[in-house]
Amino acid sequence: MYAIVEIAGQQFKVEKEDEIFVHRLEGEPGTKIEINEVLLIDHDGKISIGTPHVEGTKITGKILEHARGDKVIVFKKKRRKGFQKETGHRQDFSKILIEKITIKGAARGKTAKKEAVTKEAPDPSPIQTKEKV
């Protein structure tokens, strides 16, 4: 079973016992979090798609730690002008553990189905063409 969730403006594919890095969340390490913005859920091959969210479904997790990403260097230069500028940035992240995926309204969500390709019967009236003489 997996789900596609939206956390802090980004979408993630999560399963039970996954550890993922997301943009920094409010709360101390050890704090329980609840995610209600589930966009899609797959439960034993049955896919439920939300409009925009799947109703009655929630993901519970726990913040494990807060960390910082690698430094990204931004370097600007204008040739023949002597202008150079270098700055850096480190993004703050939170590492979260997905503990449980709860489905209440799996039957209520829309189920994605493969549409069968149907062949149309040929037109019974023959096509008439004019021949040049």
N, C-alpha and C. Protein backbone atom coordinates (compact mmCIF):
# COMPACT_ATOMS: atom_id res chain seq x y z
N MET A 1 0.84 -1.16 0.00
CA MET A 1 0.00 0.00 0.00
C MET A 1 0.90 1.24 0.00
N TYR A 2 0.56 2.18 -0.87
CA TYR A 2 1.29 3.44 -0.90
C TYR A 2 0.31 4.58 -1.13
N ALA A 3 0.79 5.79 -0.90
CA ALA A 3 -0.05 6.97 -1.09
C ALA A 3 0.80 8.11 -1.64
N ILE A 4 0.16 8.99 -2.37
CA ILE A 4 0.78 10.23 -2.83
C ILE A 4 0.19 11.33 -1.96
N VAL A 5 1.06 12.03 -1.21
CA VAL A 5 0.60 13.06 -0.29
C VAL A 5 1.26 14.39 -0.62
N GLU A 6 0.62 15.45 -0.15
CA GLU A 6 1.19 16.79 -0.31
C GLU A 6 1.62 17.29 1.06
N ILE A 7 2.92 17.56 1.20
CA ILE A 7 3.48 18.04 2.46
C ILE A 7 4.27 19.30 2.15
N ALA A 8 3.92 20.40 2.78
CA ALA A 8 4.63 21.67 2.64
C ALA A 8 4.77 22.08 1.17
N GLY A 9 3.71 21.88 0.38
CA GLY A 9 3.71 22.33 -1.00
C GLY A 9 4.38 21.39 -1.99
N GLN A 10 4.85 20.23 -1.56
CA GLN A 10 5.48 19.27 -2.45
C GLN A 10 4.76 17.93 -2.33
N GLN A 11 4.83 17.14 -3.40
CA GLN A 11 4.18 15.83 -3.41
C GLN A 11 5.21 14.73 -3.19
N PHE A 12 4.84 13.74 -2.37
CA PHE A 12 5.72 12.63 -2.04
C PHE A 12 4.95 11.32 -2.14
N LYS A 13 5.65 10.27 -2.59
CA LYS A 13 5.10 8.92 -2.57
C LYS A 13 5.57 8.29 -1.27
N VAL A 14 4.65 7.87 -0.42
CA VAL A 14 5.01 7.33 0.89
C VAL A 14 4.39 5.95 1.10
N GLU A 15 5.08 5.15 1.87
CA GLU A 15 4.59 3.86 2.33
C GLU A 15 4.82 3.80 3.83
N LYS A 16 4.26 2.80 4.47
CA LYS A 16 4.45 2.63 5.90
C LYS A 16 5.94 2.39 6.19
N GLU A 17 6.44 2.99 7.26
CA GLU A 17 7.83 2.88 7.73
C GLU A 17 8.83 3.60 6.82
N ASP A 18 8.38 4.48 5.93
CA ASP A 18 9.29 5.30 5.12
C ASP A 18 9.83 6.46 5.94
N GLU A 19 11.07 6.83 5.68
CA GLU A 19 11.67 8.04 6.26
C GLU A 19 11.95 8.98 5.10
N ILE A 20 11.34 10.17 5.13
CA ILE A 20 11.52 11.12 4.03
C ILE A 20 11.94 12.47 4.58
N PHE A 21 12.63 13.23 3.74
CA PHE A 21 13.03 14.60 4.07
C PHE A 21 12.06 15.55 3.39
N VAL A 22 11.47 16.45 4.16
CA VAL A 22 10.55 17.47 3.63
C VAL A 22 11.04 18.83 4.09
N HIS A 23 10.49 19.90 3.49
CA HIS A 23 10.84 21.23 3.96
C HIS A 23 10.48 21.34 5.44
N ARG A 24 11.23 22.16 6.17
CA ARG A 24 11.11 22.20 7.63
C ARG A 24 9.67 22.41 8.08
N LEU A 25 9.24 21.56 9.01
CA LEU A 25 7.90 21.62 9.59
C LEU A 25 7.97 22.21 10.99
N GLU A 26 6.86 22.76 11.44
CA GLU A 26 6.77 23.27 12.81
C GLU A 26 6.75 22.08 13.77
N GLY A 27 7.38 22.23 14.90
CA GLY A 27 7.35 21.18 15.91
C GLY A 27 8.74 20.66 16.24
N GLU A 28 8.84 20.11 17.41
CA GLU A 28 10.09 19.55 17.90
C GLU A 28 10.23 18.10 17.45
N PRO A 29 11.46 17.57 17.44
CA PRO A 29 11.63 16.14 17.15
C PRO A 29 10.85 15.29 18.15
N GLY A 30 10.17 14.28 17.64
CA GLY A 30 9.32 13.43 18.48
C GLY A 30 7.85 13.81 18.41
N THR A 31 7.54 14.95 17.79
CA THR A 31 6.16 15.41 17.68
C THR A 31 5.41 14.58 16.63
N LYS A 32 4.19 14.18 16.95
CA LYS A 32 3.34 13.46 16.00
C LYS A 32 2.74 14.46 15.02
N ILE A 33 2.66 14.05 13.74
CA ILE A 33 2.03 14.88 12.73
C ILE A 33 0.95 14.07 12.03
N GLU A 34 -0.03 14.78 11.48
CA GLU A 34 -1.13 14.14 10.77
C GLU A 34 -1.29 14.84 9.43
N ILE A 35 -1.28 14.07 8.35
CA ILE A 35 -1.37 14.62 7.00
C ILE A 35 -2.71 14.19 6.42
N ASN A 36 -3.56 15.17 6.09
CA ASN A 36 -4.87 14.87 5.53
C ASN A 36 -4.93 15.11 4.03
N GLU A 37 -3.88 15.68 3.46
CA GLU A 37 -3.88 16.01 2.04
C GLU A 37 -3.34 14.83 1.22
N VAL A 38 -4.15 13.78 1.13
CA VAL A 38 -3.80 12.58 0.38
C VAL A 38 -4.40 12.72 -1.01
N LEU A 39 -3.56 12.71 -2.03
CA LEU A 39 -4.03 12.91 -3.40
C LEU A 39 -4.42 11.60 -4.08
N LEU A 40 -3.71 10.52 -3.75
CA LEU A 40 -3.96 9.22 -4.37
C LEU A 40 -3.57 8.15 -3.38
N ILE A 41 -4.30 7.04 -3.40
CA ILE A 41 -3.94 5.94 -2.53
C ILE A 41 -4.15 4.62 -3.28
N ASP A 42 -3.19 3.71 -3.10
CA ASP A 42 -3.26 2.38 -3.72
C ASP A 42 -3.34 1.37 -2.59
N HIS A 43 -4.46 0.67 -2.51
CA HIS A 43 -4.67 -0.32 -1.46
C HIS A 43 -4.96 -1.66 -2.12
N ASP A 44 -3.98 -2.54 -2.15
CA ASP A 44 -4.08 -3.87 -2.75
C ASP A 44 -4.54 -3.81 -4.21
N GLY A 45 -3.97 -2.90 -4.96
CA GLY A 45 -4.29 -2.79 -6.37
C GLY A 45 -5.49 -1.92 -6.70
N LYS A 46 -6.23 -1.48 -5.69
CA LYS A 46 -7.37 -0.59 -5.91
C LYS A 46 -6.87 0.84 -5.72
N ILE A 47 -6.96 1.62 -6.78
CA ILE A 47 -6.45 2.99 -6.74
C ILE A 47 -7.61 3.95 -6.54
N SER A 48 -7.50 4.80 -5.51
CA SER A 48 -8.50 5.84 -5.26
C SER A 48 -7.84 7.19 -5.51
N ILE A 49 -8.48 8.00 -6.36
CA ILE A 49 -7.95 9.30 -6.70
C ILE A 49 -8.86 10.35 -6.09
N GLY A 50 -8.28 11.35 -5.42
CA GLY A 50 -9.07 12.40 -4.79
C GLY A 50 -9.39 13.52 -5.75
N THR A 51 -10.39 14.31 -5.37
CA THR A 51 -10.76 15.47 -6.17
C THR A 51 -10.87 16.69 -5.27
N PRO A 52 -9.88 17.36 -4.80
CA PRO A 52 -8.47 17.09 -5.00
C PRO A 52 -7.88 16.12 -3.98
N HIS A 53 -8.58 15.89 -2.85
CA HIS A 53 -8.04 14.99 -1.82
C HIS A 53 -8.99 13.81 -1.62
N VAL A 54 -8.43 12.67 -1.22
CA VAL A 54 -9.23 11.49 -0.91
C VAL A 54 -9.83 11.70 0.47
N GLU A 55 -11.16 11.64 0.55
CA GLU A 55 -11.84 11.90 1.81
C GLU A 55 -11.69 10.73 2.78
N GLY A 56 -11.55 11.04 4.06
CA GLY A 56 -11.50 10.01 5.08
C GLY A 56 -10.17 9.28 5.19
N THR A 57 -9.15 9.77 4.50
CA THR A 57 -7.85 9.12 4.54
C THR A 57 -6.86 10.05 5.21
N LYS A 58 -6.02 9.49 6.08
CA LYS A 58 -5.00 10.32 6.71
C LYS A 58 -3.74 9.50 6.93
N ILE A 59 -2.64 10.20 6.98
CA ILE A 59 -1.33 9.62 7.20
C ILE A 59 -0.81 10.16 8.53
N THR A 60 -0.37 9.30 9.41
CA THR A 60 0.22 9.74 10.67
C THR A 60 1.71 9.45 10.65
N GLY A 61 2.45 10.36 11.22
CA GLY A 61 3.90 10.22 11.24
C GLY A 61 4.50 10.91 12.45
N LYS A 62 5.82 10.92 12.47
CA LYS A 62 6.54 11.51 13.60
C LYS A 62 7.76 12.23 13.06
N ILE A 63 8.02 13.42 13.59
CA ILE A 63 9.23 14.16 13.20
C ILE A 63 10.41 13.52 13.92
N LEU A 64 11.39 13.05 13.15
CA LEU A 64 12.57 12.42 13.76
C LEU A 64 13.64 13.44 14.10
N GLU A 65 13.93 14.34 13.16
CA GLU A 65 14.97 15.35 13.41
C GLU A 65 14.83 16.49 12.42
N HIS A 66 15.49 17.60 12.75
CA HIS A 66 15.60 18.73 11.84
C HIS A 66 17.05 18.76 11.37
N ALA A 67 17.24 18.98 10.08
CA ALA A 67 18.59 18.97 9.52
C ALA A 67 18.70 20.07 8.47
N ARG A 68 19.90 20.28 7.98
CA ARG A 68 20.14 21.24 6.92
C ARG A 68 20.75 20.51 5.73
N GLY A 69 20.38 20.95 4.54
CA GLY A 69 20.89 20.33 3.33
C GLY A 69 22.29 20.81 3.00
N ASP A 70 22.81 20.32 1.89
CA ASP A 70 24.13 20.74 1.43
C ASP A 70 24.09 22.19 0.99
N LYS A 71 25.26 22.84 1.04
CA LYS A 71 25.34 24.23 0.65
C LYS A 71 25.31 24.34 -0.87
N VAL A 72 24.47 25.25 -1.35
CA VAL A 72 24.36 25.54 -2.77
C VAL A 72 25.02 26.89 -2.99
N ILE A 73 25.99 26.95 -3.89
CA ILE A 73 26.72 28.20 -4.14
C ILE A 73 26.14 28.87 -5.37
N VAL A 74 25.83 30.16 -5.22
CA VAL A 74 25.34 30.98 -6.33
C VAL A 74 26.44 31.96 -6.68
N PHE A 75 26.96 31.88 -7.91
CA PHE A 75 28.06 32.73 -8.34
C PHE A 75 27.62 33.56 -9.53
N LYS A 76 27.77 34.89 -9.40
CA LYS A 76 27.41 35.80 -10.49
C LYS A 76 28.66 36.52 -10.96
N LYS A 77 28.77 36.70 -12.27
CA LYS A 77 29.93 37.39 -12.83
C LYS A 77 29.53 38.09 -14.11
N LYS A 78 30.06 39.30 -14.30
CA LYS A 78 29.88 40.02 -15.56
C LYS A 78 31.26 40.18 -16.17
N ARG A 79 31.42 39.65 -17.35
CA ARG A 79 32.75 39.67 -17.95
C ARG A 79 33.16 41.09 -18.33
N ARG A 80 34.44 41.30 -18.24
CA ARG A 80 35.10 42.57 -18.56
C ARG A 80 34.65 43.74 -17.70
N LYS A 81 33.92 43.51 -16.64
CA LYS A 81 33.46 44.59 -15.77
C LYS A 81 34.08 44.51 -14.38
N GLY A 82 34.67 43.37 -14.05
CA GLY A 82 35.27 43.21 -12.74
C GLY A 82 34.24 42.90 -11.66
N PHE A 83 33.02 42.53 -12.04
CA PHE A 83 31.97 42.24 -11.07
C PHE A 83 31.90 40.74 -10.79
N GLN A 84 32.04 40.38 -9.53
CA GLN A 84 31.88 38.99 -9.10
C GLN A 84 31.16 39.00 -7.76
N LYS A 85 30.21 38.10 -7.62
CA LYS A 85 29.47 38.01 -6.37
C LYS A 85 29.19 36.54 -6.10
N GLU A 86 29.47 36.09 -4.90
CA GLU A 86 29.26 34.69 -4.52
C GLU A 86 28.45 34.65 -3.24
N THR A 87 27.35 33.90 -3.27
CA THR A 87 26.53 33.70 -2.08
C THR A 87 26.23 32.22 -1.94
N GLY A 88 25.81 31.83 -0.77
CA GLY A 88 25.48 30.43 -0.53
C GLY A 88 24.13 30.30 0.15
N HIS A 89 23.58 29.10 0.10
CA HIS A 89 22.27 28.84 0.72
C HIS A 89 22.24 27.39 1.20
N ARG A 90 21.70 27.19 2.41
CA ARG A 90 21.46 25.85 2.94
C ARG A 90 20.00 25.75 3.33
N GLN A 91 19.30 24.78 2.76
CA GLN A 91 17.87 24.60 3.02
C GLN A 91 17.67 23.82 4.31
N ASP A 92 16.67 24.23 5.09
CA ASP A 92 16.30 23.50 6.31
C ASP A 92 15.32 22.39 5.95
N PHE A 93 15.56 21.18 6.48
CA PHE A 93 14.71 20.03 6.23
C PHE A 93 14.26 19.41 7.54
N SER A 94 13.17 18.66 7.47
CA SER A 94 12.72 17.83 8.59
C SER A 94 12.67 16.40 8.09
N LYS A 95 13.19 15.49 8.90
CA LYS A 95 13.12 14.07 8.56
C LYS A 95 11.93 13.49 9.30
N ILE A 96 10.99 12.90 8.54
CA ILE A 96 9.80 12.35 9.18
C ILE A 96 9.68 10.86 8.89
N LEU A 97 9.08 10.16 9.82
CA LEU A 97 8.83 8.72 9.71
C LEU A 97 7.33 8.53 9.53
N ILE A 98 6.94 7.82 8.47
CA ILE A 98 5.52 7.52 8.23
C ILE A 98 5.17 6.30 9.07
N GLU A 99 4.27 6.47 10.04
CA GLU A 99 3.92 5.38 10.94
C GLU A 99 2.71 4.58 10.49
N LYS A 100 1.67 5.27 9.99
CA LYS A 100 0.44 4.56 9.68
C LYS A 100 -0.32 5.27 8.56
N ILE A 101 -0.95 4.48 7.69
CA ILE A 101 -1.83 4.99 6.65
C ILE A 101 -3.24 4.48 6.97
N THR A 102 -4.16 5.40 7.24
CA THR A 102 -5.51 5.03 7.63
C THR A 102 -6.48 5.35 6.50
N ILE A 103 -7.29 4.34 6.13
CA ILE A 103 -8.27 4.52 5.06
C ILE A 103 -9.66 4.30 5.67
N LYS A 104 -10.49 5.34 5.65
CA LYS A 104 -11.88 5.18 6.08
C LYS A 104 -12.80 5.15 4.88
N GLY A 105 -12.59 6.05 3.94
CA GLY A 105 -13.52 6.18 2.81
C GLY A 105 -12.94 5.67 1.51
N ALA A 106 -12.28 4.52 1.53
CA ALA A 106 -11.68 4.00 0.30
C ALA A 106 -12.75 3.69 -0.74
N ALA A 107 -13.94 3.25 -0.30
CA ALA A 107 -15.00 2.92 -1.24
C ALA A 107 -15.64 4.18 -1.81
N ARG A 108 -15.56 5.33 -1.06
CA ARG A 108 -16.19 6.55 -1.51
C ARG A 108 -15.41 7.26 -2.59
N GLY A 109 -14.09 7.06 -2.63
CA GLY A 109 -13.26 7.75 -3.62
C GLY A 109 -13.50 7.18 -5.01
N LYS A 110 -13.13 7.97 -5.99
CA LYS A 110 -13.28 7.49 -7.36
C LYS A 110 -12.17 6.48 -7.65
N THR A 111 -12.54 5.40 -8.26
CA THR A 111 -11.57 4.37 -8.58
C THR A 111 -11.17 4.52 -10.03
N ALA A 112 -9.87 4.54 -10.26
CA ALA A 112 -9.37 4.67 -11.63
C ALA A 112 -9.56 3.34 -12.35
N LYS A 113 -10.14 3.39 -13.51
CA LYS A 113 -10.37 2.18 -14.28
C LYS A 113 -9.73 2.35 -15.64
N LYS A 114 -9.24 1.25 -16.16
CA LYS A 114 -8.71 1.29 -17.51
C LYS A 114 -9.89 1.25 -18.46
N GLU A 115 -9.90 2.21 -19.38
CA GLU A 115 -10.99 2.25 -20.33
C GLU A 115 -10.72 1.25 -21.44
N ALA A 116 -11.72 0.46 -21.75
CA ALA A 116 -11.58 -0.54 -22.79
C ALA A 116 -11.61 0.15 -24.15
N VAL A 117 -10.75 -0.28 -25.02
CA VAL A 117 -10.72 0.27 -26.36
C VAL A 117 -11.77 -0.45 -27.18
N THR A 118 -12.71 0.32 -27.73
CA THR A 118 -13.77 -0.28 -28.52
C THR A 118 -13.54 0.05 -29.98
N LYS A 119 -13.74 -0.94 -30.79
CA LYS A 119 -13.62 -0.73 -32.23
C LYS A 119 -15.00 -0.43 -32.78
N GLU A 120 -15.03 0.60 -33.60
CA GLU A 120 -16.30 0.94 -34.23
C GLU A 120 -16.51 0.05 -35.45
N ALA A 121 -17.74 -0.31 -35.68
CA ALA A 121 -18.07 -1.13 -36.85
C ALA A 121 -17.89 -0.29 -38.11
N PRO A 122 -17.45 -0.91 -39.19
CA PRO A 122 -17.29 -0.14 -40.43
C PRO A 122 -18.64 0.35 -40.93
N ASP A 123 -18.59 1.49 -41.59
CA ASP A 123 -19.81 2.09 -42.12
C ASP A 123 -20.40 1.17 -43.19
N PRO A 124 -21.69 0.80 -43.07
CA PRO A 124 -22.26 -0.14 -44.03
C PRO A 124 -22.41 0.44 -45.44
N SER A 125 -22.52 1.76 -45.55
CA SER A 125 -22.66 2.33 -46.89
C SER A 125 -21.30 2.43 -47.55
N PRO A 126 -21.17 1.93 -48.77
CA PRO A 126 -19.87 1.98 -49.44
C PRO A 126 -19.54 3.42 -49.85
N ILE A 127 -18.26 3.70 -49.88
CA ILE A 127 -17.81 5.02 -50.28
C ILE A 127 -17.80 5.06 -51.80
N GLN A 128 -18.42 6.10 -52.35
CA GLN A 128 -18.51 6.22 -53.79
C GLN A 128 -17.43 7.18 -54.27
N THR A 129 -16.69 6.76 -55.23
CA THR A 129 -15.65 7.61 -55.80
C THR A 129 -15.92 7.79 -57.28
N LYS A 130 -15.59 8.93 -57.76
CA LYS A 130 -15.76 9.20 -59.19
C LYS A 130 -14.45 8.94 -59.90
N GLU A 131 -14.52 8.21 -60.96
CA GLU A 131 -13.32 7.93 -61.73
C GLU A 131 -13.20 8.93 -62.87
N LYS A 132 -12.01 9.37 -63.13
CA LYS A 132 -11.78 10.29 -64.23
C LYS A 132 -11.66 9.49 -65.51
N VAL A 133 -12.30 10.00 -66.54
CA VAL A 133 -12.27 9.29 -67.82
C VAL A 133 -11.35 9.98 -68.80
